[in-house]
Amino acid sequence: MLAMGSTRVFDFKGSGLLDLYPLVVQTDIAELEIRFVDDDLNVGPHALAFKRSADFRYISFESCSAEHVEAYDAVNVVEPSEWLNGRPGRPYGLQHFRMFFDDYGCIEVLAVEFAVVSAP
């Protein structure tokens, strides 16, 4: 069950990304992608693109709480978000996205837009 206000916007099941490792790449001044690679650093078929991003953070697997694990193999939007609400001058439409990856940890992104795109 998801935390109050947490909404799943993408599920990794069937995406071909479950057995790959996430790699955060800044693609432009306010854009980042999470690309996925295998043990040989071959890039997976898709990436997660975050447009008009304001911030991101990584929480190690050992430091994740039960709330982080709710985003297991998915992208969730967290609302309400203490992290987002604590930011001064919050741009219109900014959202708190959270992903949890087994044996890796949690990646959180503040961004206006999210999309699944073909890997470069």
PDB file of N, CA and C in Angstrom:
ATOM      1  N   MET A   1       0.838  -1.179   0.000  1.00  0.00           N
ATOM      2  CA  MET A   1       0.000   0.000   0.000  1.00  0.00           C
ATOM      3  C   MET A   1       0.887   1.248   0.000  1.00  0.00           C
ATOM      4  N   LEU A   2       0.520   2.229  -0.802  1.00  0.00           N
ATOM      5  CA  LEU A   2       1.308   3.453  -0.906  1.00  0.00           C
ATOM      6  C   LEU A   2       0.979   4.406   0.225  1.00  0.00           C
ATOM      7  N   ALA A   3       1.978   5.220   0.590  1.00  0.00           N
ATOM      8  CA  ALA A   3       1.782   6.222   1.636  1.00  0.00           C
ATOM      9  C   ALA A   3       0.719   7.218   1.195  1.00  0.00           C
ATOM     10  N   MET A   4       0.102   7.858   2.170  1.00  0.00           N
ATOM     11  CA  MET A   4      -0.929   8.846   1.866  1.00  0.00           C
ATOM     12  C   MET A   4      -0.383   9.893   0.894  1.00  0.00           C
ATOM     13  N   GLY A   5      -1.034  10.029  -0.250  1.00  0.00           N
ATOM     14  CA  GLY A   5      -0.626  11.034  -1.204  1.00  0.00           C
ATOM     15  C   GLY A   5       0.402  10.563  -2.216  1.00  0.00           C
ATOM     16  N   SER A   6       0.958   9.377  -2.056  1.00  0.00           N
ATOM     17  CA  SER A   6       1.949   8.861  -2.993  1.00  0.00           C
ATOM     18  C   SER A   6       1.226   8.208  -4.169  1.00  0.00           C
ATOM     19  N   THR A   7       1.607   8.591  -5.392  1.00  0.00           N
ATOM     20  CA  THR A   7       0.955   8.080  -6.591  1.00  0.00           C
ATOM     21  C   THR A   7       1.981   7.432  -7.507  1.00  0.00           C
ATOM     22  N   ARG A   8       1.725   6.215  -7.922  1.00  0.00           N
ATOM     23  CA  ARG A   8       2.619   5.514  -8.848  1.00  0.00           C
ATOM     24  C   ARG A   8       2.358   6.027 -10.256  1.00  0.00           C
ATOM     25  N   VAL A   9       3.414   6.527 -10.921  1.00  0.00           N
ATOM     26  CA  VAL A   9       3.260   7.048 -12.274  1.00  0.00           C
ATOM     27  C   VAL A   9       3.974   6.193 -13.317  1.00  0.00           C
ATOM     28  N   PHE A  10       4.817   5.253 -12.880  1.00  0.00           N
ATOM     29  CA  PHE A  10       5.482   4.330 -13.794  1.00  0.00           C
ATOM     30  C   PHE A  10       5.883   3.088 -13.020  1.00  0.00           C
ATOM     31  N   ASP A  11       5.651   1.921 -13.620  1.00  0.00           N
ATOM     32  CA  ASP A  11       6.022   0.642 -13.015  1.00  0.00           C
ATOM     33  C   ASP A  11       7.061  -0.010 -13.917  1.00  0.00           C
ATOM     34  N   PHE A  12       8.158  -0.453 -13.343  1.00  0.00           N
ATOM     35  CA  PHE A  12       9.250  -1.036 -14.120  1.00  0.00           C
ATOM     36  C   PHE A  12       8.937  -2.426 -14.675  1.00  0.00           C
ATOM     37  N   LYS A  13       7.921  -3.097 -14.162  1.00  0.00           N
ATOM     38  CA  LYS A  13       7.593  -4.442 -14.638  1.00  0.00           C
ATOM     39  C   LYS A  13       7.301  -4.394 -16.138  1.00  0.00           C
ATOM     40  N   GLY A  14       7.952  -5.263 -16.893  1.00  0.00           N
ATOM     41  CA  GLY A  14       7.753  -5.327 -18.334  1.00  0.00           C
ATOM     42  C   GLY A  14       8.520  -4.282 -19.130  1.00  0.00           C
ATOM     43  N   SER A  15       9.324  -3.467 -18.466  1.00  0.00           N
ATOM     44  CA  SER A  15      10.048  -2.392 -19.153  1.00  0.00           C
ATOM     45  C   SER A  15      11.423  -2.822 -19.664  1.00  0.00           C
ATOM     46  N   GLY A  16      11.908  -3.965 -19.205  1.00  0.00           N
ATOM     47  CA  GLY A  16      13.247  -4.407 -19.568  1.00  0.00           C
ATOM     48  C   GLY A  16      14.338  -3.745 -18.738  1.00  0.00           C
ATOM     49  N   LEU A  17      13.961  -3.039 -17.679  1.00  0.00           N
ATOM     50  CA  LEU A  17      14.931  -2.294 -16.873  1.00  0.00           C
ATOM     51  C   LEU A  17      15.191  -2.913 -15.504  1.00  0.00           C
ATOM     52  N   LEU A  18      14.423  -3.912 -15.122  1.00  0.00           N
ATOM     53  CA  LEU A  18      14.503  -4.449 -13.758  1.00  0.00           C
ATOM     54  C   LEU A  18      15.860  -5.019 -13.378  1.00  0.00           C
ATOM     55  N   ASP A  19      16.577  -5.612 -14.305  1.00  0.00           N
ATOM     56  CA  ASP A  19      17.854  -6.243 -13.974  1.00  0.00           C
ATOM     57  C   ASP A  19      19.047  -5.349 -14.278  1.00  0.00           C
ATOM     58  N   LEU A  20      18.800  -4.056 -14.479  1.00  0.00           N
ATOM     59  CA  LEU A  20      19.865  -3.118 -14.818  1.00  0.00           C
ATOM     60  C   LEU A  20      20.117  -2.161 -13.657  1.00  0.00           C
ATOM     61  N   TYR A  21      21.231  -1.443 -13.727  1.00  0.00           N
ATOM     62  CA  TYR A  21      21.624  -0.522 -12.671  1.00  0.00           C
ATOM     63  C   TYR A  21      21.340   0.921 -13.090  1.00  0.00           C
ATOM     64  N   PRO A  22      20.784   1.734 -12.194  1.00  0.00           N
ATOM     65  CA  PRO A  22      20.499   3.123 -12.546  1.00  0.00           C
ATOM     66  C   PRO A  22      21.770   3.973 -12.571  1.00  0.00           C
ATOM     67  N   LEU A  23      21.804   4.915 -13.482  1.00  0.00           N
ATOM     68  CA  LEU A  23      22.919   5.841 -13.637  1.00  0.00           C
ATOM     69  C   LEU A  23      22.330   7.226 -13.886  1.00  0.00           C
ATOM     70  N   VAL A  24      22.576   8.173 -12.987  1.00  0.00           N
ATOM     71  CA  VAL A  24      22.030   9.528 -13.124  1.00  0.00           C
ATOM     72  C   VAL A  24      22.966  10.353 -14.000  1.00  0.00           C
ATOM     73  N   VAL A  25      22.388  10.981 -15.034  1.00  0.00           N
ATOM     74  CA  VAL A  25      23.158  11.780 -15.980  1.00  0.00           C
ATOM     75  C   VAL A  25      22.476  13.137 -16.147  1.00  0.00           C
ATOM     76  N   GLN A  26      23.234  14.206 -15.961  1.00  0.00           N
ATOM     77  CA  GLN A  26      22.687  15.538 -16.232  1.00  0.00           C
ATOM     78  C   GLN A  26      22.862  15.799 -17.723  1.00  0.00           C
ATOM     79  N   THR A  27      21.746  16.010 -18.425  1.00  0.00           N
ATOM     80  CA  THR A  27      21.781  16.169 -19.876  1.00  0.00           C
ATOM     81  C   THR A  27      21.724  17.626 -20.317  1.00  0.00           C
ATOM     82  N   ASP A  28      21.311  18.507 -19.435  1.00  0.00           N
ATOM     83  CA  ASP A  28      21.243  19.938 -19.716  1.00  0.00           C
ATOM     84  C   ASP A  28      21.195  20.639 -18.365  1.00  0.00           C
ATOM     85  N   ILE A  29      21.166  21.964 -18.388  1.00  0.00           N
ATOM     86  CA  ILE A  29      21.246  22.719 -17.138  1.00  0.00           C
ATOM     87  C   ILE A  29      20.122  22.366 -16.156  1.00  0.00           C
ATOM     88  N   ALA A  30      18.927  22.102 -16.644  1.00  0.00           N
ATOM     89  CA  ALA A  30      17.814  21.782 -15.754  1.00  0.00           C
ATOM     90  C   ALA A  30      17.136  20.480 -16.177  1.00  0.00           C
ATOM     91  N   GLU A  31      17.927  19.567 -16.728  1.00  0.00           N
ATOM     92  CA  GLU A  31      17.383  18.286 -17.158  1.00  0.00           C
ATOM     93  C   GLU A  31      18.312  17.169 -16.717  1.00  0.00           C
ATOM     94  N   LEU A  32      17.713  16.083 -16.290  1.00  0.00           N
ATOM     95  CA  LEU A  32      18.528  14.910 -15.994  1.00  0.00           C
ATOM     96  C   LEU A  32      17.799  13.664 -16.428  1.00  0.00           C
ATOM     97  N   GLU A  33      18.571  12.634 -16.659  1.00  0.00           N
ATOM     98  CA  GLU A  33      18.024  11.340 -17.033  1.00  0.00           C
ATOM     99  C   GLU A  33      18.588  10.288 -16.100  1.00  0.00           C
ATOM    100  N   ILE A  34      17.778   9.297 -15.846  1.00  0.00           N
ATOM    101  CA  ILE A  34      18.275   8.098 -15.193  1.00  0.00           C
ATOM    102  C   ILE A  34      18.332   7.053 -16.291  1.00  0.00           C
ATOM    103  N   ARG A  35      19.549   6.692 -16.660  1.00  0.00           N
ATOM    104  CA  ARG A  35      19.776   5.666 -17.667  1.00  0.00           C
ATOM    105  C   ARG A  35      20.076   4.368 -16.940  1.00  0.00           C
ATOM    106  N   PHE A  36      19.971   3.266 -17.630  1.00  0.00           N
ATOM    107  CA  PHE A  36      20.156   1.964 -17.008  1.00  0.00           C
ATOM    108  C   PHE A  36      21.203   1.180 -17.774  1.00  0.00           C
ATOM    109  N   VAL A  37      22.134   0.591 -17.027  1.00  0.00           N
ATOM    110  CA  VAL A  37      23.226  -0.162 -17.642  1.00  0.00           C
ATOM    111  C   VAL A  37      23.317  -1.552 -17.015  1.00  0.00           C
ATOM    112  N   ASP A  38      23.898  -2.483 -17.792  1.00  0.00           N
ATOM    113  CA  ASP A  38      24.120  -3.831 -17.272  1.00  0.00           C
ATOM    114  C   ASP A  38      25.535  -3.944 -16.712  1.00  0.00           C
ATOM    115  N   ASP A  39      25.945  -5.131 -16.340  1.00  0.00           N
ATOM    116  CA  ASP A  39      27.278  -5.345 -15.748  1.00  0.00           C
ATOM    117  C   ASP A  39      28.417  -4.937 -16.676  1.00  0.00           C
ATOM    118  N   ASP A  40      28.165  -4.974 -17.990  1.00  0.00           N
ATOM    119  CA  ASP A  40      29.189  -4.601 -18.968  1.00  0.00           C
ATOM    120  C   ASP A  40      29.048  -3.156 -19.441  1.00  0.00           C
ATOM    121  N   LEU A  41      28.215  -2.386 -18.763  1.00  0.00           N
ATOM    122  CA  LEU A  41      27.943  -0.972 -19.055  1.00  0.00           C
ATOM    123  C   LEU A  41      27.226  -0.757 -20.387  1.00  0.00           C
ATOM    124  N   ASN A  42      26.529  -1.775 -20.877  1.00  0.00           N
ATOM    125  CA  ASN A  42      25.655  -1.606 -22.041  1.00  0.00           C
ATOM    126  C   ASN A  42      24.393  -0.892 -21.577  1.00  0.00           C
ATOM    127  N   VAL A  43      23.967   0.111 -22.326  1.00  0.00           N
ATOM    128  CA  VAL A  43      22.806   0.920 -21.947  1.00  0.00           C
ATOM    129  C   VAL A  43      21.520   0.175 -22.280  1.00  0.00           C
ATOM    130  N   GLY A  44      20.568   0.208 -21.343  1.00  0.00           N
ATOM    131  CA  GLY A  44      19.268  -0.428 -21.529  1.00  0.00           C
ATOM    132  C   GLY A  44      18.406   0.313 -22.545  1.00  0.00           C
ATOM    133  N   PRO A  45      17.219  -0.228 -22.839  1.00  0.00           N
ATOM    134  CA  PRO A  45      16.381   0.308 -23.915  1.00  0.00           C
ATOM    135  C   PRO A  45      15.693   1.641 -23.619  1.00  0.00           C
ATOM    136  N   HIS A  46      15.532   1.973 -22.349  1.00  0.00           N
ATOM    137  CA  HIS A  46      14.806   3.188 -21.984  1.00  0.00           C
ATOM    138  C   HIS A  46      15.550   3.974 -20.910  1.00  0.00           C
ATOM    139  N   ALA A  47      15.174   5.231 -20.787  1.00  0.00           N
ATOM    140  CA  ALA A  47      15.692   6.090 -19.727  1.00  0.00           C
ATOM    141  C   ALA A  47      14.512   6.845 -19.121  1.00  0.00           C
ATOM    142  N   LEU A  48      14.688   7.328 -17.916  1.00  0.00           N
ATOM    143  CA  LEU A  48      13.687   8.173 -17.270  1.00  0.00           C
ATOM    144  C   LEU A  48      14.171   9.611 -17.391  1.00  0.00           C
ATOM    145  N   ALA A  49      13.390  10.468 -18.037  1.00  0.00           N
ATOM    146  CA  ALA A  49      13.794  11.854 -18.276  1.00  0.00           C
ATOM    147  C   ALA A  49      13.018  12.778 -17.346  1.00  0.00           C
ATOM    148  N   PHE A  50      13.744  13.696 -16.722  1.00  0.00           N
ATOM    149  CA  PHE A  50      13.143  14.689 -15.833  1.00  0.00           C
ATOM    150  C   PHE A  50      13.480  16.072 -16.375  1.00  0.00           C
ATOM    151  N   LYS A  51      12.472  16.797 -16.820  1.00  0.00           N
ATOM    152  CA  LYS A  51      12.649  18.132 -17.399  1.00  0.00           C
ATOM    153  C   LYS A  51      12.362  19.186 -16.340  1.00  0.00           C
ATOM    154  N   ARG A  52      13.063  20.306 -16.486  1.00  0.00           N
ATOM    155  CA  ARG A  52      12.952  21.416 -15.538  1.00  0.00           C
ATOM    156  C   ARG A  52      13.169  20.909 -14.111  1.00  0.00           C
ATOM    157  N   SER A  53      14.264  20.160 -13.953  1.00  0.00           N
ATOM    158  CA  SER A  53      14.600  19.606 -12.642  1.00  0.00           C
ATOM    159  C   SER A  53      15.266  20.680 -11.779  1.00  0.00           C
ATOM    160  N   ALA A  54      14.984  20.619 -10.497  1.00  0.00           N
ATOM    161  CA  ALA A  54      15.522  21.595  -9.554  1.00  0.00           C
ATOM    162  C   ALA A  54      16.531  20.974  -8.603  1.00  0.00           C
ATOM    163  N   ASP A  55      16.425  19.661  -8.367  1.00  0.00           N
ATOM    164  CA  ASP A  55      17.304  19.019  -7.392  1.00  0.00           C
ATOM    165  C   ASP A  55      17.137  17.505  -7.496  1.00  0.00           C
ATOM    166  N   PHE A  56      18.130  16.775  -7.019  1.00  0.00           N
ATOM    167  CA  PHE A  56      17.963  15.339  -6.852  1.00  0.00           C
ATOM    168  C   PHE A  56      18.812  14.903  -5.667  1.00  0.00           C
ATOM    169  N   ARG A  57      18.457  13.744  -5.133  1.00  0.00           N
ATOM    170  CA  ARG A  57      19.237  13.193  -4.035  1.00  0.00           C
ATOM    171  C   ARG A  57      19.175  11.667  -4.095  1.00  0.00           C
ATOM    172  N   TYR A  58      20.215  11.075  -3.515  1.00  0.00           N
ATOM    173  CA  TYR A  58      20.350   9.626  -3.446  1.00  0.00           C
ATOM    174  C   TYR A  58      20.391   9.226  -1.982  1.00  0.00           C
ATOM    175  N   ILE A  59      19.640   8.200  -1.627  1.00  0.00           N
ATOM    176  CA  ILE A  59      19.666   7.649  -0.284  1.00  0.00           C
ATOM    177  C   ILE A  59      20.138   6.197  -0.418  1.00  0.00           C
ATOM    178  N   SER A  60      21.233   5.856   0.251  1.00  0.00           N
ATOM    179  CA  SER A  60      21.791   4.506   0.127  1.00  0.00           C
ATOM    180  C   SER A  60      20.788   3.464   0.617  1.00  0.00           C
ATOM    181  N   PHE A  61      20.920   2.272   0.107  1.00  0.00           N
ATOM    182  CA  PHE A  61      20.028   1.164   0.446  1.00  0.00           C
ATOM    183  C   PHE A  61      19.909   0.997   1.961  1.00  0.00           C
ATOM    184  N   GLU A  62      21.045   1.066   2.642  1.00  0.00           N
ATOM    185  CA  GLU A  62      21.066   0.857   4.092  1.00  0.00           C
ATOM    186  C   GLU A  62      20.343   1.969   4.857  1.00  0.00           C
ATOM    187  N   SER A  63      20.213   3.145   4.268  1.00  0.00           N
ATOM    188  CA  SER A  63      19.600   4.282   4.944  1.00  0.00           C
ATOM    189  C   SER A  63      18.137   4.503   4.566  1.00  0.00           C
ATOM    190  N   CYS A  64      17.599   3.681   3.698  1.00  0.00           N
ATOM    191  CA  CYS A  64      16.218   3.857   3.245  1.00  0.00           C
ATOM    192  C   CYS A  64      15.222   3.433   4.321  1.00  0.00           C
ATOM    193  N   SER A  65      14.137   4.170   4.370  1.00  0.00           N
ATOM    194  CA  SER A  65      13.050   3.856   5.297  1.00  0.00           C
ATOM    195  C   SER A  65      11.973   3.056   4.559  1.00  0.00           C
ATOM    196  N   ALA A  66      10.982   2.602   5.293  1.00  0.00           N
ATOM    197  CA  ALA A  66       9.858   1.879   4.685  1.00  0.00           C
ATOM    198  C   ALA A  66       9.147   2.767   3.665  1.00  0.00           C
ATOM    199  N   GLU A  67       9.105   4.054   3.910  1.00  0.00           N
ATOM    200  CA  GLU A  67       8.473   4.991   2.977  1.00  0.00           C
ATOM    201  C   GLU A  67       9.210   5.018   1.636  1.00  0.00           C
ATOM    202  N   HIS A  68      10.543   4.951   1.674  1.00  0.00           N
ATOM    203  CA  HIS A  68      11.319   4.910   0.430  1.00  0.00           C
ATOM    204  C   HIS A  68      11.036   3.628  -0.354  1.00  0.00           C
ATOM    205  N   VAL A  69      10.942   2.516   0.378  1.00  0.00           N
ATOM    206  CA  VAL A  69      10.757   1.214  -0.256  1.00  0.00           C
ATOM    207  C   VAL A  69       9.396   1.114  -0.955  1.00  0.00           C
ATOM    208  N   GLU A  70       8.444   1.958  -0.597  1.00  0.00           N
ATOM    209  CA  GLU A  70       7.141   1.956  -1.272  1.00  0.00           C
ATOM    210  C   GLU A  70       7.275   2.255  -2.762  1.00  0.00           C
ATOM    211  N   ALA A  71       8.373   2.877  -3.170  1.00  0.00           N
ATOM    212  CA  ALA A  71       8.613   3.170  -4.592  1.00  0.00           C
ATOM    213  C   ALA A  71       9.438   2.064  -5.235  1.00  0.00           C
ATOM    214  N   TYR A  72       9.309   0.841  -4.729  1.00  0.00           N
ATOM    215  CA  TYR A  72      10.062  -0.315  -5.213  1.00  0.00           C
ATOM    216  C   TYR A  72       9.747  -0.566  -6.684  1.00  0.00           C
ATOM    217  N   ASP A  73      10.789  -0.554  -7.532  1.00  0.00           N
ATOM    218  CA  ASP A  73      10.658  -0.816  -8.965  1.00  0.00           C
ATOM    219  C   ASP A  73       9.577   0.037  -9.619  1.00  0.00           C
ATOM    220  N   ALA A  74       9.507   1.296  -9.216  1.00  0.00           N
ATOM    221  CA  ALA A  74       8.482   2.196  -9.750  1.00  0.00           C
ATOM    222  C   ALA A  74       8.956   3.641  -9.636  1.00  0.00           C
ATOM    223  N   VAL A  75       8.205   4.516 -10.266  1.00  0.00           N
ATOM    224  CA  VAL A  75       8.374   5.958 -10.066  1.00  0.00           C
ATOM    225  C   VAL A  75       7.089   6.435  -9.401  1.00  0.00           C
ATOM    226  N   ASN A  76       7.230   7.006  -8.219  1.00  0.00           N
ATOM    227  CA  ASN A  76       6.091   7.539  -7.483  1.00  0.00           C
ATOM    228  C   ASN A  76       6.217   9.057  -7.386  1.00  0.00           C
ATOM    229  N   VAL A  77       5.077   9.724  -7.341  1.00  0.00           N
ATOM    230  CA  VAL A  77       5.032  11.149  -7.013  1.00  0.00           C
ATOM    231  C   VAL A  77       4.651  11.230  -5.542  1.00  0.00           C
ATOM    232  N   VAL A  78       5.445  11.949  -4.758  1.00  0.00           N
ATOM    233  CA  VAL A  78       5.218  12.080  -3.323  1.00  0.00           C
ATOM    234  C   VAL A  78       4.509  13.411  -3.064  1.00  0.00           C
ATOM    235  N   GLU A  79       3.339  13.328  -2.457  1.00  0.00           N
ATOM    236  CA  GLU A  79       2.578  14.527  -2.115  1.00  0.00           C
ATOM    237  C   GLU A  79       1.716  14.222  -0.908  1.00  0.00           C
ATOM    238  N   PRO A  80       1.805  14.924   0.152  1.00  0.00           N
ATOM    239  CA  PRO A  80       2.653  16.103   0.344  1.00  0.00           C
ATOM    240  C   PRO A  80       4.118  15.704   0.532  1.00  0.00           C
ATOM    241  N   SER A  81       4.999  16.635   0.223  1.00  0.00           N
ATOM    242  CA  SER A  81       6.428  16.396   0.307  1.00  0.00           C
ATOM    243  C   SER A  81       7.088  17.461   1.177  1.00  0.00           C
ATOM    244  N   GLU A  82       7.684  17.028   2.285  1.00  0.00           N
ATOM    245  CA  GLU A  82       8.404  17.961   3.144  1.00  0.00           C
ATOM    246  C   GLU A  82       9.583  18.580   2.399  1.00  0.00           C
ATOM    247  N   TRP A  83      10.266  17.768   1.593  1.00  0.00           N
ATOM    248  CA  TRP A  83      11.424  18.250   0.827  1.00  0.00           C
ATOM    249  C   TRP A  83      10.991  19.360  -0.129  1.00  0.00           C
ATOM    250  N   LEU A  84       9.914  19.140  -0.827  1.00  0.00           N
ATOM    251  CA  LEU A  84       9.419  20.112  -1.799  1.00  0.00           C
ATOM    252  C   LEU A  84       8.838  21.343  -1.109  1.00  0.00           C
ATOM    253  N   ASN A  85       8.052  21.139  -0.078  1.00  0.00           N
ATOM    254  CA  ASN A  85       7.414  22.259   0.610  1.00  0.00           C
ATOM    255  C   ASN A  85       8.411  23.129   1.363  1.00  0.00           C
ATOM    256  N   GLY A  86       9.584  22.585   1.676  1.00  0.00           N
ATOM    257  CA  GLY A  86      10.604  23.343   2.384  1.00  0.00           C
ATOM    258  C   GLY A  86      11.461  24.214   1.474  1.00  0.00           C
ATOM    259  N   ARG A  87      11.235  24.137   0.172  1.00  0.00           N
ATOM    260  CA  ARG A  87      12.026  24.923  -0.786  1.00  0.00           C
ATOM    261  C   ARG A  87      11.431  26.307  -0.970  1.00  0.00           C
ATOM    262  N   PRO A  88      12.257  27.342  -0.895  1.00  0.00           N
ATOM    263  CA  PRO A  88      11.754  28.692  -1.158  1.00  0.00           C
ATOM    264  C   PRO A  88      11.536  28.897  -2.656  1.00  0.00           C
ATOM    265  N   GLY A  89      10.562  29.684  -3.018  1.00  0.00           N
ATOM    266  CA  GLY A  89      10.337  30.032  -4.417  1.00  0.00           C
ATOM    267  C   GLY A  89      10.028  28.830  -5.288  1.00  0.00           C
ATOM    268  N   ARG A  90       9.169  27.964  -4.814  1.00  0.00           N
ATOM    269  CA  ARG A  90       8.824  26.728  -5.534  1.00  0.00           C
ATOM    270  C   ARG A  90       8.223  27.054  -6.902  1.00  0.00           C
ATOM    271  N   PRO A  91       8.882  26.620  -7.978  1.00  0.00           N
ATOM    272  CA  PRO A  91       8.331  26.859  -9.321  1.00  0.00           C
ATOM    273  C   PRO A  91       6.995  26.150  -9.513  1.00  0.00           C
ATOM    274  N   TYR A  92       6.135  26.740 -10.299  1.00  0.00           N
ATOM    275  CA  TYR A  92       4.827  26.159 -10.575  1.00  0.00           C
ATOM    276  C   TYR A  92       4.984  24.782 -11.220  1.00  0.00           C
ATOM    277  N   GLY A  93       4.269  23.806 -10.702  1.00  0.00           N
ATOM    278  CA  GLY A  93       4.270  22.469 -11.286  1.00  0.00           C
ATOM    279  C   GLY A  93       5.375  21.552 -10.797  1.00  0.00           C
ATOM    280  N   LEU A  94       6.269  22.026  -9.940  1.00  0.00           N
ATOM    281  CA  LEU A  94       7.363  21.195  -9.450  1.00  0.00           C
ATOM    282  C   LEU A  94       6.801  20.036  -8.629  1.00  0.00           C
ATOM    283  N   GLN A  95       7.294  18.817  -8.911  1.00  0.00           N
ATOM    284  CA  GLN A  95       6.834  17.619  -8.227  1.00  0.00           C
ATOM    285  C   GLN A  95       8.014  16.853  -7.636  1.00  0.00           C
ATOM    286  N   HIS A  96       7.736  16.052  -6.635  1.00  0.00           N
ATOM    287  CA  HIS A  96       8.728  15.212  -5.967  1.00  0.00           C
ATOM    288  C   HIS A  96       8.542  13.777  -6.472  1.00  0.00           C
ATOM    289  N   PHE A  97       9.518  13.295  -7.255  1.00  0.00           N
ATOM    290  CA  PHE A  97       9.494  11.933  -7.788  1.00  0.00           C
ATOM    291  C   PHE A  97      10.433  11.065  -6.964  1.00  0.00           C
ATOM    292  N   ARG A  98      10.017   9.825  -6.704  1.00  0.00           N
ATOM    293  CA  ARG A  98      10.832   8.893  -5.914  1.00  0.00           C
ATOM    294  C   ARG A  98      10.870   7.532  -6.596  1.00  0.00           C
ATOM    295  N   MET A  99      12.078   6.933  -6.637  1.00  0.00           N
ATOM    296  CA  MET A  99      12.287   5.594  -7.171  1.00  0.00           C
ATOM    297  C   MET A  99      13.141   4.805  -6.188  1.00  0.00           C
ATOM    298  N   PHE A 100      12.815   3.544  -5.987  1.00  0.00           N
ATOM    299  CA  PHE A 100      13.621   2.681  -5.124  1.00  0.00           C
ATOM    300  C   PHE A 100      14.068   1.476  -5.937  1.00  0.00           C
ATOM    301  N   PHE A 101      15.375   1.172  -5.853  1.00  0.00           N
ATOM    302  CA  PHE A 101      15.955   0.061  -6.596  1.00  0.00           C
ATOM    303  C   PHE A 101      16.582  -0.924  -5.618  1.00  0.00           C
ATOM    304  N   ASP A 102      16.191  -2.188  -5.733  1.00  0.00           N
ATOM    305  CA  ASP A 102      16.695  -3.246  -4.865  1.00  0.00           C
ATOM    306  C   ASP A 102      18.218  -3.279  -4.884  1.00  0.00           C
ATOM    307  N   ASP A 103      18.832  -3.399  -3.728  1.00  0.00           N
ATOM    308  CA  ASP A 103      20.290  -3.466  -3.547  1.00  0.00           C
ATOM    309  C   ASP A 103      21.016  -2.196  -3.973  1.00  0.00           C
ATOM    310  N   TYR A 104      20.307  -1.130  -4.268  1.00  0.00           N
ATOM    311  CA  TYR A 104      20.935   0.122  -4.700  1.00  0.00           C
ATOM    312  C   TYR A 104      20.526   1.266  -3.771  1.00  0.00           C
ATOM    313  N   GLY A 105      19.230   1.471  -3.648  1.00  0.00           N
ATOM    314  CA  GLY A 105      18.734   2.543  -2.799  1.00  0.00           C
ATOM    315  C   GLY A 105      17.657   3.351  -3.489  1.00  0.00           C
ATOM    316  N   CYS A 106      17.526   4.571  -3.047  1.00  0.00           N
ATOM    317  CA  CYS A 106      16.446   5.439  -3.490  1.00  0.00           C
ATOM    318  C   CYS A 106      17.018   6.668  -4.201  1.00  0.00           C
ATOM    319  N   ILE A 107      16.400   7.036  -5.312  1.00  0.00           N
ATOM    320  CA  ILE A 107      16.730   8.276  -6.009  1.00  0.00           C
ATOM    321  C   ILE A 107      15.478   9.133  -5.996  1.00  0.00           C
ATOM    322  N   GLU A 108      15.643  10.386  -5.614  1.00  0.00           N
ATOM    323  CA  GLU A 108      14.529  11.322  -5.592  1.00  0.00           C
ATOM    324  C   GLU A 108      14.887  12.529  -6.456  1.00  0.00           C
ATOM    325  N   VAL A 109      13.895  13.018  -7.176  1.00  0.00           N
ATOM    326  CA  VAL A 109      14.104  14.133  -8.093  1.00  0.00           C
ATOM    327  C   VAL A 109      12.976  15.137  -7.920  1.00  0.00           C
ATOM    328  N   LEU A 110      13.336  16.423  -7.879  1.00  0.00           N
ATOM    329  CA  LEU A 110      12.346  17.488  -7.963  1.00  0.00           C
ATOM    330  C   LEU A 110      12.366  17.995  -9.397  1.00  0.00           C
ATOM    331  N   ALA A 111      11.244  17.872 -10.088  1.00  0.00           N
ATOM    332  CA  ALA A 111      11.175  18.278 -11.491  1.00  0.00           C
ATOM    333  C   ALA A 111       9.734  18.613 -11.859  1.00  0.00           C
ATOM    334  N   VAL A 112       9.587  19.296 -12.976  1.00  0.00           N
ATOM    335  CA  VAL A 112       8.255  19.648 -13.465  1.00  0.00           C
ATOM    336  C   VAL A 112       7.681  18.526 -14.326  1.00  0.00           C
ATOM    337  N   GLU A 113       8.520  17.903 -15.150  1.00  0.00           N
ATOM    338  CA  GLU A 113       8.038  16.873 -16.067  1.00  0.00           C
ATOM    339  C   GLU A 113       8.826  15.578 -15.916  1.00  0.00           C
ATOM    340  N   PHE A 114       8.123  14.470 -16.151  1.00  0.00           N
ATOM    341  CA  PHE A 114       8.737  13.146 -16.158  1.00  0.00           C
ATOM    342  C   PHE A 114       8.245  12.401 -17.383  1.00  0.00           C
ATOM    343  N   ALA A 115       9.147  11.670 -18.043  1.00  0.00           N
ATOM    344  CA  ALA A 115       8.757  10.836 -19.194  1.00  0.00           C
ATOM    345  C   ALA A 115       9.709   9.657 -19.305  1.00  0.00           C
ATOM    346  N   VAL A 116       9.213   8.572 -19.852  1.00  0.00           N
ATOM    347  CA  VAL A 116      10.051   7.435 -20.210  1.00  0.00           C
ATOM    348  C   VAL A 116      10.437   7.642 -21.675  1.00  0.00           C
ATOM    349  N   VAL A 117      11.726   7.638 -21.963  1.00  0.00           N
ATOM    350  CA  VAL A 117      12.213   7.912 -23.309  1.00  0.00           C
ATOM    351  C   VAL A 117      13.125   6.781 -23.782  1.00  0.00           C
ATOM    352  N   SER A 118      13.338   6.703 -25.088  1.00  0.00           N
ATOM    353  CA  SER A 118      14.298   5.744 -25.625  1.00  0.00           C
ATOM    354  C   SER A 118      15.690   6.152 -25.189  1.00  0.00           C
ATOM    355  N   ALA A 119      16.502   5.185 -24.829  1.00  0.00           N
ATOM    356  CA  ALA A 119      17.869   5.474 -24.395  1.00  0.00           C
ATOM    357  C   ALA A 119      18.679   6.035 -25.570  1.00  0.00           C
ATOM    358  N   PRO A 120      19.597   6.938 -25.276  1.00  0.00           N
ATOM    359  CA  PRO A 120      20.410   7.529 -26.353  1.00  0.00           C
ATOM    360  C   PRO A 120      21.393   6.522 -26.939  1.00  0.00           C
TER     361      PRO A 120
END
